[in-house]
Amino acid sequence: MARIRMLAAEEFPAALRTQLGADDKTPLELGNLRIYAHRPALAQAYATYMAELRRPGLLSRRLVELVRLRVAFHNQCRSCMAVRYRDGAADGVDEGLVCQLASPDEAPDLSDAERSALRFADRMATDHLSIDDALFADLRSHFSEAEIVELGMNVAAFVGYGRLSMAMDMVDELPERFRSAAGAVVTPWNPDGDPDAVPVGAP
């Protein structure tokens, strides 16, 4: 059970409910906002920021979704690992590709740019103090500075808010494989290859 009570959409203040279109979303699609709604002004600011990150930008939705899922694995954020975003799926992120995130440097279907972004995400999620000029030189060989900034802001949101979601233990509505015993390592790649065990989120 989540460590902070997850509010139902009808408990959201009207402004937040309208902003999110909460009445038309499933509890899983509302996700961590069901907790953040205890502080509506902060929830609204968070939703605005995350919506801006999700708008079409300089980076492909495929790249952003791959990075999100890899960071979710490092965070062990069960809710983050469980959800697949429709725009990522529309841009080629299927369960076969997600399985390649287990070993990105050896993955045959990832581009060099995607591998570079994933190396940056790995270091941000596990050892940010080791990030050096060489890592940025690698990024610059694939991305413009504006794209690196966009990548960094996405990764920062995934690391920070993913860790908060994990700490709050938001697993109540997830498929069984994402609700395993405390201490067990969970992955976003399904060892059984069953895409039906993965809920699809919005947008």
C-alpha atoms as a PDB file:
ATOM      1  CA  MET A   1       0.000   0.000   0.000  1.00  0.00           C
ATOM      2  CA  ALA A   2       1.266   3.491  -0.855  1.00  0.00           C
ATOM      3  CA  ARG A   3       2.847   5.285   2.097  1.00  0.00           C
ATOM      4  CA  ILE A   4       0.793   8.429   1.380  1.00  0.00           C
ATOM      5  CA  ARG A   5      -2.912   8.012   0.662  1.00  0.00           C
ATOM      6  CA  MET A   6      -3.585   8.216  -3.072  1.00  0.00           C
ATOM      7  CA  LEU A   7      -6.507  10.545  -3.691  1.00  0.00           C
ATOM      8  CA  ALA A   8      -9.304   9.711  -6.097  1.00  0.00           C
ATOM      9  CA  ALA A   9      -9.904  12.174  -8.944  1.00  0.00           C
ATOM     10  CA  GLU A  10     -13.116  13.391  -7.326  1.00  0.00           C
ATOM     11  CA  GLU A  11     -11.065  14.509  -4.310  1.00  0.00           C
ATOM     12  CA  PHE A  12      -8.865  16.817  -6.419  1.00  0.00           C
ATOM     13  CA  PRO A  13      -9.598  20.545  -6.225  1.00  0.00           C
ATOM     14  CA  ALA A  14     -11.549  21.712  -9.279  1.00  0.00           C
ATOM     15  CA  ALA A  15      -8.648  23.608 -10.887  1.00  0.00           C
ATOM     16  CA  LEU A  16      -6.304  20.634 -10.700  1.00  0.00           C
ATOM     17  CA  ARG A  17      -9.003  18.227 -11.810  1.00  0.00           C
ATOM     18  CA  THR A  18      -9.695  20.379 -14.867  1.00  0.00           C
ATOM     19  CA  GLN A  19      -6.019  20.941 -15.691  1.00  0.00           C
ATOM     20  CA  LEU A  20      -5.335  17.212 -15.699  1.00  0.00           C
ATOM     21  CA  GLY A  21      -8.577  16.120 -17.330  1.00  0.00           C
ATOM     22  CA  ALA A  22      -8.658  13.847 -14.304  1.00  0.00           C
ATOM     23  CA  ASP A  23     -12.177  12.577 -14.851  1.00  0.00           C
ATOM     24  CA  ASP A  24     -11.117  11.000 -18.159  1.00  0.00           C
ATOM     25  CA  LYS A  25      -7.981   9.291 -16.844  1.00  0.00           C
ATOM     26  CA  THR A  26      -7.493   5.993 -15.087  1.00  0.00           C
ATOM     27  CA  PRO A  27      -5.931   5.942 -11.606  1.00  0.00           C
ATOM     28  CA  LEU A  28      -2.762   4.532 -13.190  1.00  0.00           C
ATOM     29  CA  GLU A  29      -2.616   7.379 -15.715  1.00  0.00           C
ATOM     30  CA  LEU A  30      -2.923   9.931 -12.899  1.00  0.00           C
ATOM     31  CA  GLY A  31      -0.058   8.154 -11.138  1.00  0.00           C
ATOM     32  CA  ASN A  32       1.941  10.223  -8.674  1.00  0.00           C
ATOM     33  CA  LEU A  33      -0.437  13.166  -9.063  1.00  0.00           C
ATOM     34  CA  ARG A  34      -2.819  11.228  -6.836  1.00  0.00           C
ATOM     35  CA  ILE A  35      -0.289  11.825  -4.063  1.00  0.00           C
ATOM     36  CA  TYR A  36       0.872  15.303  -5.078  1.00  0.00           C
ATOM     37  CA  ALA A  37      -2.787  16.427  -5.066  1.00  0.00           C
ATOM     38  CA  HIS A  38      -2.493  16.703  -1.278  1.00  0.00           C
ATOM     39  CA  ARG A  39      -0.617  19.936  -2.191  1.00  0.00           C
ATOM     40  CA  PRO A  40      -2.663  21.172  -5.153  1.00  0.00           C
ATOM     41  CA  ALA A  41      -0.532  24.199  -6.071  1.00  0.00           C
ATOM     42  CA  LEU A  42       2.603  22.060  -6.213  1.00  0.00           C
ATOM     43  CA  ALA A  43       0.734  19.370  -8.157  1.00  0.00           C
ATOM     44  CA  GLN A  44      -0.368  21.959 -10.712  1.00  0.00           C
ATOM     45  CA  ALA A  45       3.178  23.297 -11.112  1.00  0.00           C
ATOM     46  CA  TYR A  46       4.536  19.753 -11.437  1.00  0.00           C
ATOM     47  CA  ALA A  47       1.901  18.829 -14.031  1.00  0.00           C
ATOM     48  CA  THR A  48       2.678  21.970 -16.052  1.00  0.00           C
ATOM     49  CA  TYR A  49       6.414  21.243 -16.014  1.00  0.00           C
ATOM     50  CA  MET A  50       6.045  17.578 -16.926  1.00  0.00           C
ATOM     51  CA  ALA A  51       3.568  18.433 -19.697  1.00  0.00           C
ATOM     52  CA  GLU A  52       6.135  20.826 -21.145  1.00  0.00           C
ATOM     53  CA  LEU A  53       8.781  18.084 -21.069  1.00  0.00           C
ATOM     54  CA  ARG A  54       6.358  15.748 -22.861  1.00  0.00           C
ATOM     55  CA  ARG A  55       5.589  18.178 -25.689  1.00  0.00           C
ATOM     56  CA  PRO A  56       7.308  17.406 -28.985  1.00  0.00           C
ATOM     57  CA  GLY A  57      10.777  18.846 -28.615  1.00  0.00           C
ATOM     58  CA  LEU A  58      14.208  18.351 -30.081  1.00  0.00           C
ATOM     59  CA  LEU A  59      14.530  14.729 -28.949  1.00  0.00           C
ATOM     60  CA  SER A  60      12.504  11.848 -30.325  1.00  0.00           C
ATOM     61  CA  ARG A  61       9.818  10.344 -28.120  1.00  0.00           C
ATOM     62  CA  ARG A  62      11.548   6.996 -28.647  1.00  0.00           C
ATOM     63  CA  LEU A  63      14.762   8.292 -27.091  1.00  0.00           C
ATOM     64  CA  VAL A  64      12.976   9.921 -24.154  1.00  0.00           C
ATOM     65  CA  GLU A  65      10.988   6.748 -23.430  1.00  0.00           C
ATOM     66  CA  LEU A  66      14.094   4.548 -23.556  1.00  0.00           C
ATOM     67  CA  VAL A  67      15.910   6.864 -21.161  1.00  0.00           C
ATOM     68  CA  ARG A  68      12.873   7.019 -18.860  1.00  0.00           C
ATOM     69  CA  LEU A  69      12.658   3.240 -18.596  1.00  0.00           C
ATOM     70  CA  ARG A  70      16.395   2.799 -18.031  1.00  0.00           C
ATOM     71  CA  VAL A  71      16.352   5.383 -15.220  1.00  0.00           C
ATOM     72  CA  ALA A  72      13.249   3.706 -13.762  1.00  0.00           C
ATOM     73  CA  PHE A  73      15.237   0.474 -13.522  1.00  0.00           C
ATOM     74  CA  HIS A  74      18.064   2.186 -11.630  1.00  0.00           C
ATOM     75  CA  ASN A  75      15.552   3.891  -9.328  1.00  0.00           C
ATOM     76  CA  GLN A  76      13.607   0.648  -8.890  1.00  0.00           C
ATOM     77  CA  CYS A  77      10.493   2.788  -9.361  1.00  0.00           C
ATOM     78  CA  ARG A  78       7.847   0.122  -9.936  1.00  0.00           C
ATOM     79  CA  SER A  79       5.171   2.494 -11.223  1.00  0.00           C
ATOM     80  CA  CYS A  80       7.641   4.112 -13.650  1.00  0.00           C
ATOM     81  CA  MET A  81       8.742   0.713 -14.968  1.00  0.00           C
ATOM     82  CA  ALA A  82       5.192  -0.552 -15.382  1.00  0.00           C
ATOM     83  CA  VAL A  83       3.864   2.211 -17.602  1.00  0.00           C
ATOM     84  CA  ARG A  84       4.473   2.588 -21.338  1.00  0.00           C
ATOM     85  CA  TYR A  85       3.649   5.936 -22.908  1.00  0.00           C
ATOM     86  CA  ARG A  86       1.667   5.853 -26.135  1.00  0.00           C
ATOM     87  CA  ASP A  87       3.876   8.393 -27.902  1.00  0.00           C
ATOM     88  CA  GLY A  88       6.945   6.243 -27.213  1.00  0.00           C
ATOM     89  CA  ALA A  89       5.159   3.155 -28.496  1.00  0.00           C
ATOM     90  CA  ALA A  90       4.097   5.073 -31.612  1.00  0.00           C
ATOM     91  CA  ASP A  91       7.769   5.962 -32.142  1.00  0.00           C
ATOM     92  CA  GLY A  92       8.927   2.353 -32.098  1.00  0.00           C
ATOM     93  CA  VAL A  93       9.357   1.446 -28.427  1.00  0.00           C
ATOM     94  CA  ASP A  94       7.939  -2.072 -28.274  1.00  0.00           C
ATOM     95  CA  GLU A  95       8.663  -4.771 -25.713  1.00  0.00           C
ATOM     96  CA  GLY A  96      11.417  -6.257 -27.867  1.00  0.00           C
ATOM     97  CA  LEU A  97      13.264  -2.933 -27.798  1.00  0.00           C
ATOM     98  CA  VAL A  98      12.625  -2.493 -24.064  1.00  0.00           C
ATOM     99  CA  CYS A  99      14.286  -5.877 -23.472  1.00  0.00           C
ATOM    100  CA  GLN A 100      17.443  -4.501 -25.106  1.00  0.00           C
ATOM    101  CA  LEU A 101      17.718  -1.964 -22.276  1.00  0.00           C
ATOM    102  CA  ALA A 102      19.116  -4.784 -20.141  1.00  0.00           C
ATOM    103  CA  SER A 103      22.471  -4.289 -21.960  1.00  0.00           C
ATOM    104  CA  PRO A 104      22.263  -1.092 -24.006  1.00  0.00           C
ATOM    105  CA  ASP A 105      25.871  -1.059 -25.189  1.00  0.00           C
ATOM    106  CA  GLU A 106      25.375  -4.446 -26.864  1.00  0.00           C
ATOM    107  CA  ALA A 107      21.819  -3.809 -28.089  1.00  0.00           C
ATOM    108  CA  PRO A 108      21.594  -4.287 -31.867  1.00  0.00           C
ATOM    109  CA  ASP A 109      18.550  -2.055 -32.385  1.00  0.00           C
ATOM    110  CA  LEU A 110      19.783   1.009 -30.508  1.00  0.00           C
ATOM    111  CA  SER A 111      21.556   3.788 -32.375  1.00  0.00           C
ATOM    112  CA  ASP A 112      24.908   5.204 -31.274  1.00  0.00           C
ATOM    113  CA  ALA A 113      23.108   8.378 -30.195  1.00  0.00           C
ATOM    114  CA  GLU A 114      20.653   6.383 -28.071  1.00  0.00           C
ATOM    115  CA  ARG A 115      23.499   4.462 -26.446  1.00  0.00           C
ATOM    116  CA  SER A 116      25.263   7.746 -25.669  1.00  0.00           C
ATOM    117  CA  ALA A 117      22.108   9.189 -24.078  1.00  0.00           C
ATOM    118  CA  LEU A 118      21.617   6.013 -22.056  1.00  0.00           C
ATOM    119  CA  ARG A 119      25.222   6.135 -20.771  1.00  0.00           C
ATOM    120  CA  PHE A 120      24.570   9.685 -19.585  1.00  0.00           C
ATOM    121  CA  ALA A 121      21.287   8.594 -17.963  1.00  0.00           C
ATOM    122  CA  ASP A 122      23.023   5.669 -16.251  1.00  0.00           C
ATOM    123  CA  ARG A 123      25.636   7.933 -14.722  1.00  0.00           C
ATOM    124  CA  MET A 124      23.055  10.536 -13.643  1.00  0.00           C
ATOM    125  CA  ALA A 125      21.038   7.807 -11.948  1.00  0.00           C
ATOM    126  CA  THR A 126      23.905   5.908 -10.322  1.00  0.00           C
ATOM    127  CA  ASP A 127      27.078   8.009 -10.065  1.00  0.00           C
ATOM    128  CA  HIS A 128      26.542  11.620 -11.110  1.00  0.00           C
ATOM    129  CA  LEU A 129      29.819  12.740  -9.505  1.00  0.00           C
ATOM    130  CA  SER A 130      31.713  10.675 -12.079  1.00  0.00           C
ATOM    131  CA  ILE A 131      30.308  12.671 -15.005  1.00  0.00           C
ATOM    132  CA  ASP A 132      33.242  14.283 -16.778  1.00  0.00           C
ATOM    133  CA  ASP A 133      34.281  16.115 -19.946  1.00  0.00           C
ATOM    134  CA  ALA A 134      34.687  12.831 -21.819  1.00  0.00           C
ATOM    135  CA  LEU A 135      31.045  11.913 -21.248  1.00  0.00           C
ATOM    136  CA  PHE A 136      29.954  15.314 -22.534  1.00  0.00           C
ATOM    137  CA  ALA A 137      32.269  14.981 -25.537  1.00  0.00           C
ATOM    138  CA  ASP A 138      30.500  11.709 -26.311  1.00  0.00           C
ATOM    139  CA  LEU A 139      27.110  13.441 -26.052  1.00  0.00           C
ATOM    140  CA  ARG A 140      28.299  16.312 -28.268  1.00  0.00           C
ATOM    141  CA  SER A 141      29.236  13.848 -31.001  1.00  0.00           C
ATOM    142  CA  HIS A 142      25.514  13.032 -31.325  1.00  0.00           C
ATOM    143  CA  PHE A 143      23.539  15.975 -29.945  1.00  0.00           C
ATOM    144  CA  SER A 144      23.478  19.767 -30.080  1.00  0.00           C
ATOM    145  CA  GLU A 145      23.849  21.698 -26.852  1.00  0.00           C
ATOM    146  CA  ALA A 146      20.122  22.441 -26.840  1.00  0.00           C
ATOM    147  CA  GLU A 147      19.385  18.724 -27.209  1.00  0.00           C
ATOM    148  CA  ILE A 148      21.783  17.920 -24.347  1.00  0.00           C
ATOM    149  CA  VAL A 149      19.957  20.432 -22.143  1.00  0.00           C
ATOM    150  CA  GLU A 150      16.609  18.827 -23.045  1.00  0.00           C
ATOM    151  CA  LEU A 151      18.036  15.384 -22.342  1.00  0.00           C
ATOM    152  CA  GLY A 152      19.454  16.508 -18.996  1.00  0.00           C
ATOM    153  CA  MET A 153      16.188  18.067 -17.865  1.00  0.00           C
ATOM    154  CA  ASN A 154      14.261  14.916 -18.748  1.00  0.00           C
ATOM    155  CA  VAL A 155      16.772  12.706 -16.951  1.00  0.00           C
ATOM    156  CA  ALA A 156      16.753  14.962 -13.884  1.00  0.00           C
ATOM    157  CA  ALA A 157      12.956  14.726 -13.679  1.00  0.00           C
ATOM    158  CA  PHE A 158      13.045  10.956 -14.112  1.00  0.00           C
ATOM    159  CA  VAL A 159      15.729  10.465 -11.455  1.00  0.00           C
ATOM    160  CA  GLY A 160      14.249  12.783  -8.837  1.00  0.00           C
ATOM    161  CA  TYR A 161      10.540  12.126  -9.182  1.00  0.00           C
ATOM    162  CA  GLY A 162      11.104   8.429  -9.864  1.00  0.00           C
ATOM    163  CA  ARG A 163      12.956   8.092  -6.584  1.00  0.00           C
ATOM    164  CA  LEU A 164      10.160   9.918  -4.793  1.00  0.00           C
ATOM    165  CA  SER A 165       7.552   7.606  -6.336  1.00  0.00           C
ATOM    166  CA  MET A 166       9.602   4.573  -5.338  1.00  0.00           C
ATOM    167  CA  ALA A 167       9.947   5.863  -1.781  1.00  0.00           C
ATOM    168  CA  MET A 168       6.173   6.332  -1.584  1.00  0.00           C
ATOM    169  CA  ASP A 169       5.691   2.704  -2.722  1.00  0.00           C
ATOM    170  CA  MET A 170       3.098   3.437  -5.400  1.00  0.00           C
ATOM    171  CA  VAL A 171       2.420  -0.150  -6.461  1.00  0.00           C
ATOM    172  CA  ASP A 172      -1.190  -0.803  -5.446  1.00  0.00           C
ATOM    173  CA  GLU A 173      -2.679  -0.896  -8.968  1.00  0.00           C
ATOM    174  CA  LEU A 174       0.290  -2.384 -10.822  1.00  0.00           C
ATOM    175  CA  PRO A 175       0.446  -5.830 -12.426  1.00  0.00           C
ATOM    176  CA  GLU A 176       1.716  -8.507 -10.065  1.00  0.00           C
ATOM    177  CA  ARG A 177       5.252  -8.698 -11.458  1.00  0.00           C
ATOM    178  CA  PHE A 178       5.830  -5.061 -10.460  1.00  0.00           C
ATOM    179  CA  ARG A 179       4.631  -5.652  -6.884  1.00  0.00           C
ATOM    180  CA  SER A 180       7.219  -8.226  -5.828  1.00  0.00           C
ATOM    181  CA  ALA A 181       8.576  -8.450  -2.298  1.00  0.00           C
ATOM    182  CA  ALA A 182      10.654  -5.600  -0.918  1.00  0.00           C
ATOM    183  CA  GLY A 183      14.287  -5.934  -1.869  1.00  0.00           C
ATOM    184  CA  ALA A 184      13.604  -7.950  -5.031  1.00  0.00           C
ATOM    185  CA  VAL A 185      15.028  -6.376  -8.186  1.00  0.00           C
ATOM    186  CA  VAL A 186      12.364  -5.579 -10.768  1.00  0.00           C
ATOM    187  CA  THR A 187      13.021  -4.742 -14.415  1.00  0.00           C
ATOM    188  CA  PRO A 188      10.977  -2.883 -17.041  1.00  0.00           C
ATOM    189  CA  TRP A 189      11.843  -5.636 -19.515  1.00  0.00           C
ATOM    190  CA  ASN A 190       9.466  -8.555 -19.108  1.00  0.00           C
ATOM    191  CA  PRO A 191      11.310 -11.884 -18.837  1.00  0.00           C
ATOM    192  CA  ASP A 192       8.156 -13.662 -20.025  1.00  0.00           C
ATOM    193  CA  GLY A 193       7.803 -11.382 -23.043  1.00  0.00           C
ATOM    194  CA  ASP A 194       4.149 -10.691 -22.225  1.00  0.00           C
ATOM    195  CA  PRO A 195       3.251  -7.131 -23.337  1.00  0.00           C
ATOM    196  CA  ASP A 196      -0.234  -7.535 -21.843  1.00  0.00           C
ATOM    197  CA  ALA A 197       1.383  -7.410 -18.399  1.00  0.00           C
ATOM    198  CA  VAL A 198       2.384  -3.796 -19.100  1.00  0.00           C
ATOM    199  CA  PRO A 199      -0.230  -1.059 -18.689  1.00  0.00           C
ATOM    200  CA  VAL A 200      -0.202   1.720 -21.264  1.00  0.00           C
ATOM    201  CA  GLY A 201      -0.251   5.251 -19.957  1.00  0.00           C
ATOM    202  CA  ALA A 202      -1.090   8.659 -21.367  1.00  0.00           C
ATOM    203  CA  PRO A 203      -0.554  10.568 -23.540  1.00  0.00           C
END
